[in-house]
């Protein structure tokens, strides 16, 4: 993905996992969007990404499998 419009479409393509209410799901999507925004603008991602849903990790993964967030910032890293 090379622009934020593509990122938004990518993130919006994921369905809310069971157990996540709408507020929590919006927060997950917002953080994933912010991660991509930092990546595309070559800024540091200053947050911890300790979410438990697999969808978050898929959202912040590039097409080549690399994550846009450093692995050490993802406390609950999934081997995807």
N, C-alpha and C. Protein backbone atom coordinates (compact mmCIF):
# COMPACT_ATOMS: atom_id res chain seq x y z
N UNK A 1 0.84 -1.17 0.00
CA UNK A 1 0.00 0.00 0.00
C UNK A 1 0.89 1.24 0.00
N UNK A 2 0.48 2.19 -0.78
CA UNK A 2 1.32 3.36 -0.95
C UNK A 2 0.66 4.67 -0.53
N UNK A 3 -0.63 4.62 -0.16
CA UNK A 3 -1.30 5.84 0.28
C UNK A 3 -2.37 5.50 1.31
N UNK A 4 -2.83 6.53 2.01
CA UNK A 4 -3.76 6.31 3.11
C UNK A 4 -5.15 5.88 2.64
N UNK A 5 -5.53 6.20 1.42
CA UNK A 5 -6.81 5.71 0.90
C UNK A 5 -6.78 4.19 0.76
N UNK A 6 -5.68 3.66 0.25
CA UNK A 6 -5.52 2.21 0.15
C UNK A 6 -5.51 1.57 1.53
N UNK A 7 -4.84 2.21 2.46
CA UNK A 7 -4.77 1.71 3.84
C UNK A 7 -6.16 1.65 4.44
N UNK A 8 -6.94 2.70 4.29
CA UNK A 8 -8.30 2.72 4.85
C UNK A 8 -9.15 1.61 4.26
N UNK A 9 -9.07 1.41 2.96
CA UNK A 9 -9.84 0.32 2.33
C UNK A 9 -9.39 -1.03 2.87
N UNK A 10 -8.09 -1.20 3.05
CA UNK A 10 -7.54 -2.46 3.58
C UNK A 10 -8.07 -2.70 5.00
N UNK A 11 -7.96 -1.70 5.84
CA UNK A 11 -8.40 -1.85 7.23
C UNK A 11 -9.91 -2.09 7.31
N UNK A 12 -10.66 -1.37 6.51
CA UNK A 12 -12.12 -1.53 6.51
C UNK A 12 -12.58 -2.87 5.95
N UNK A 13 -11.69 -3.61 5.30
CA UNK A 13 -12.07 -4.90 4.74
C UNK A 13 -12.17 -5.99 5.81
N UNK A 14 -11.70 -5.71 7.00
CA UNK A 14 -11.73 -6.71 8.08
C UNK A 14 -13.04 -6.62 8.84
N UNK A 15 -13.56 -7.78 9.20
CA UNK A 15 -14.78 -7.86 10.00
C UNK A 15 -14.43 -7.82 11.48
N UNK A 16 -15.30 -7.22 12.25
CA UNK A 16 -15.11 -7.14 13.70
C UNK A 16 -15.17 -8.55 14.29
N UNK A 17 -14.13 -8.91 15.05
CA UNK A 17 -14.14 -10.25 15.65
C UNK A 17 -15.17 -10.35 16.78
N UNK A 18 -15.65 -11.55 17.01
CA UNK A 18 -16.60 -11.73 18.11
C UNK A 18 -15.89 -11.40 19.43
N UNK A 19 -16.62 -10.82 20.33
CA UNK A 19 -16.05 -10.42 21.60
C UNK A 19 -15.58 -8.98 21.63
N UNK A 20 -15.53 -8.33 20.48
CA UNK A 20 -15.15 -6.92 20.40
C UNK A 20 -16.40 -6.09 20.17
N UNK A 21 -16.64 -5.12 21.04
CA UNK A 21 -17.78 -4.23 20.80
C UNK A 21 -17.37 -3.18 19.78
N UNK A 22 -18.31 -2.39 19.34
CA UNK A 22 -18.03 -1.40 18.29
C UNK A 22 -16.97 -0.40 18.71
N UNK A 23 -17.00 0.04 19.95
CA UNK A 23 -16.01 1.02 20.43
C UNK A 23 -14.61 0.42 20.39
N UNK A 24 -14.44 -0.78 20.89
CA UNK A 24 -13.13 -1.43 20.89
C UNK A 24 -12.63 -1.67 19.46
N UNK A 25 -13.53 -2.05 18.58
CA UNK A 25 -13.16 -2.31 17.19
C UNK A 25 -12.70 -1.03 16.49
N UNK A 26 -13.41 0.06 16.75
CA UNK A 26 -13.00 1.35 16.18
C UNK A 26 -11.61 1.75 16.68
N UNK A 27 -11.33 1.49 17.96
CA UNK A 27 -10.01 1.81 18.52
C UNK A 27 -8.91 0.98 17.86
N UNK A 28 -9.17 -0.29 17.61
CA UNK A 28 -8.20 -1.16 16.93
C UNK A 28 -7.93 -0.63 15.53
N UNK A 29 -8.99 -0.31 14.80
CA UNK A 29 -8.84 0.18 13.43
C UNK A 29 -8.12 1.53 13.41
N UNK A 30 -8.42 2.39 14.36
CA UNK A 30 -7.77 3.70 14.42
C UNK A 30 -6.27 3.55 14.67
N UNK A 31 -5.89 2.64 15.56
CA UNK A 31 -4.47 2.43 15.83
C UNK A 31 -3.77 1.82 14.62
N UNK A 32 -4.41 0.90 13.93
CA UNK A 32 -3.83 0.32 12.72
C UNK A 32 -3.63 1.40 11.66
N UNK A 33 -4.60 2.27 11.50
CA UNK A 33 -4.48 3.36 10.53
C UNK A 33 -3.33 4.28 10.91
N UNK A 34 -3.22 4.59 12.19
CA UNK A 34 -2.14 5.45 12.66
C UNK A 34 -0.78 4.80 12.41
N UNK A 35 -0.69 3.49 12.61
CA UNK A 35 0.57 2.78 12.36
C UNK A 35 0.97 2.93 10.89
N UNK A 36 0.03 2.75 10.00
CA UNK A 36 0.32 2.91 8.57
C UNK A 36 0.67 4.35 8.23
N UNK A 37 -0.04 5.28 8.85
CA UNK A 37 0.24 6.69 8.63
C UNK A 37 1.69 7.02 9.01
N UNK A 38 2.12 6.53 10.16
CA UNK A 38 3.51 6.74 10.59
C UNK A 38 4.47 6.08 9.62
N UNK A 39 4.16 4.88 9.19
CA UNK A 39 5.03 4.15 8.27
C UNK A 39 5.17 4.91 6.94
N UNK A 40 4.06 5.32 6.38
CA UNK A 40 4.09 5.99 5.08
C UNK A 40 4.76 7.36 5.15
N UNK A 41 4.63 8.02 6.29
CA UNK A 41 5.24 9.34 6.46
C UNK A 41 6.63 9.26 7.09
N UNK A 42 7.12 8.04 7.27
CA UNK A 42 8.44 7.77 7.84
C UNK A 42 8.62 8.44 9.21
N UNK A 43 7.58 8.31 10.02
CA UNK A 43 7.63 8.80 11.40
C UNK A 43 7.65 7.61 12.33
N UNK A 44 8.14 7.83 13.52
CA UNK A 44 8.21 6.77 14.52
C UNK A 44 6.81 6.48 15.07
N UNK A 45 6.49 5.22 15.22
CA UNK A 45 5.24 4.80 15.84
C UNK A 45 5.53 4.70 17.34
N UNK A 46 4.95 5.58 18.12
CA UNK A 46 5.31 5.73 19.53
C UNK A 46 4.40 4.97 20.49
N UNK A 47 3.55 4.13 19.98
CA UNK A 47 2.59 3.43 20.83
C UNK A 47 2.99 1.97 20.99
N UNK A 48 2.47 1.37 22.02
CA UNK A 48 2.57 -0.07 22.18
C UNK A 48 1.38 -0.67 21.45
N UNK A 49 1.57 -1.80 20.85
CA UNK A 49 0.48 -2.45 20.11
C UNK A 49 0.17 -3.79 20.74
N UNK A 50 -0.41 -3.75 21.91
CA UNK A 50 -0.68 -5.00 22.63
C UNK A 50 -2.15 -5.38 22.52
N UNK A 51 -2.59 -5.60 21.31
CA UNK A 51 -3.96 -6.05 21.07
C UNK A 51 -3.97 -7.55 20.90
N UNK A 52 -5.05 -8.14 21.27
CA UNK A 52 -5.14 -9.59 21.25
C UNK A 52 -5.81 -10.16 20.01
N UNK A 53 -6.44 -9.33 19.21
CA UNK A 53 -7.13 -9.90 18.05
C UNK A 53 -6.16 -10.04 16.87
N UNK A 54 -6.27 -11.15 16.22
CA UNK A 54 -5.43 -11.47 15.07
C UNK A 54 -5.61 -10.46 13.94
N UNK A 55 -6.81 -9.92 13.81
CA UNK A 55 -7.10 -8.97 12.74
C UNK A 55 -6.20 -7.74 12.79
N UNK A 56 -5.87 -7.27 13.99
CA UNK A 56 -5.01 -6.10 14.11
C UNK A 56 -3.66 -6.36 13.44
N UNK A 57 -3.09 -7.52 13.72
CA UNK A 57 -1.78 -7.85 13.16
C UNK A 57 -1.84 -8.00 11.65
N UNK A 58 -2.95 -8.49 11.15
CA UNK A 58 -3.13 -8.58 9.70
C UNK A 58 -3.28 -7.20 9.08
N UNK A 59 -3.91 -6.29 9.81
CA UNK A 59 -4.10 -4.93 9.30
C UNK A 59 -2.77 -4.19 9.12
N UNK A 60 -1.81 -4.46 9.99
CA UNK A 60 -0.54 -3.71 9.98
C UNK A 60 0.57 -4.50 9.30
N UNK A 61 0.18 -5.41 8.47
CA UNK A 61 1.14 -6.25 7.74
C UNK A 61 1.15 -5.85 6.27
N UNK A 62 2.35 -5.67 5.74
CA UNK A 62 2.49 -5.34 4.33
C UNK A 62 2.27 -6.59 3.48
N UNK A 63 2.13 -6.38 2.18
CA UNK A 63 1.87 -7.49 1.27
C UNK A 63 2.99 -8.52 1.27
N UNK A 64 4.22 -8.09 1.58
CA UNK A 64 5.35 -9.02 1.61
C UNK A 64 5.48 -9.76 2.95
N UNK A 65 4.55 -9.49 3.88
CA UNK A 65 4.54 -10.16 5.18
C UNK A 65 5.22 -9.39 6.29
N UNK A 66 5.93 -8.34 5.94
CA UNK A 66 6.61 -7.52 6.95
C UNK A 66 5.58 -6.60 7.62
N UNK A 67 5.80 -6.35 8.90
CA UNK A 67 4.90 -5.47 9.64
C UNK A 67 5.36 -4.03 9.56
N UNK A 68 4.41 -3.10 9.62
CA UNK A 68 4.76 -1.68 9.60
C UNK A 68 5.11 -1.18 10.99
N UNK A 69 4.91 -2.01 12.00
CA UNK A 69 5.28 -1.72 13.39
C UNK A 69 6.43 -2.65 13.76
N UNK A 70 7.44 -2.14 14.44
CA UNK A 70 8.53 -3.03 14.88
C UNK A 70 7.98 -4.16 15.77
N UNK A 71 8.48 -5.35 15.59
CA UNK A 71 7.99 -6.51 16.34
C UNK A 71 8.05 -6.30 17.85
N UNK A 72 9.06 -5.61 18.33
CA UNK A 72 9.19 -5.43 19.78
C UNK A 72 8.11 -4.54 20.36
N UNK A 73 7.38 -3.82 19.54
CA UNK A 73 6.26 -3.01 20.03
C UNK A 73 4.95 -3.79 20.05
N UNK A 74 4.97 -4.99 19.53
CA UNK A 74 3.77 -5.82 19.50
C UNK A 74 3.90 -6.89 20.58
N UNK A 75 3.36 -6.61 21.75
CA UNK A 75 3.53 -7.47 22.91
C UNK A 75 2.90 -8.85 22.71
N UNK A 76 1.83 -8.91 21.99
CA UNK A 76 1.13 -10.18 21.78
C UNK A 76 1.28 -10.56 20.30
N UNK A 77 2.50 -10.74 19.89
CA UNK A 77 2.81 -11.00 18.50
C UNK A 77 2.27 -12.36 18.06
N UNK A 78 1.59 -12.36 16.93
CA UNK A 78 1.10 -13.60 16.33
C UNK A 78 2.05 -14.01 15.23
N UNK A 79 2.31 -15.29 15.12
CA UNK A 79 3.09 -15.82 14.03
C UNK A 79 2.13 -16.07 12.87
N UNK A 80 2.04 -15.08 11.99
CA UNK A 80 1.06 -15.16 10.89
C UNK A 80 1.71 -15.57 9.61
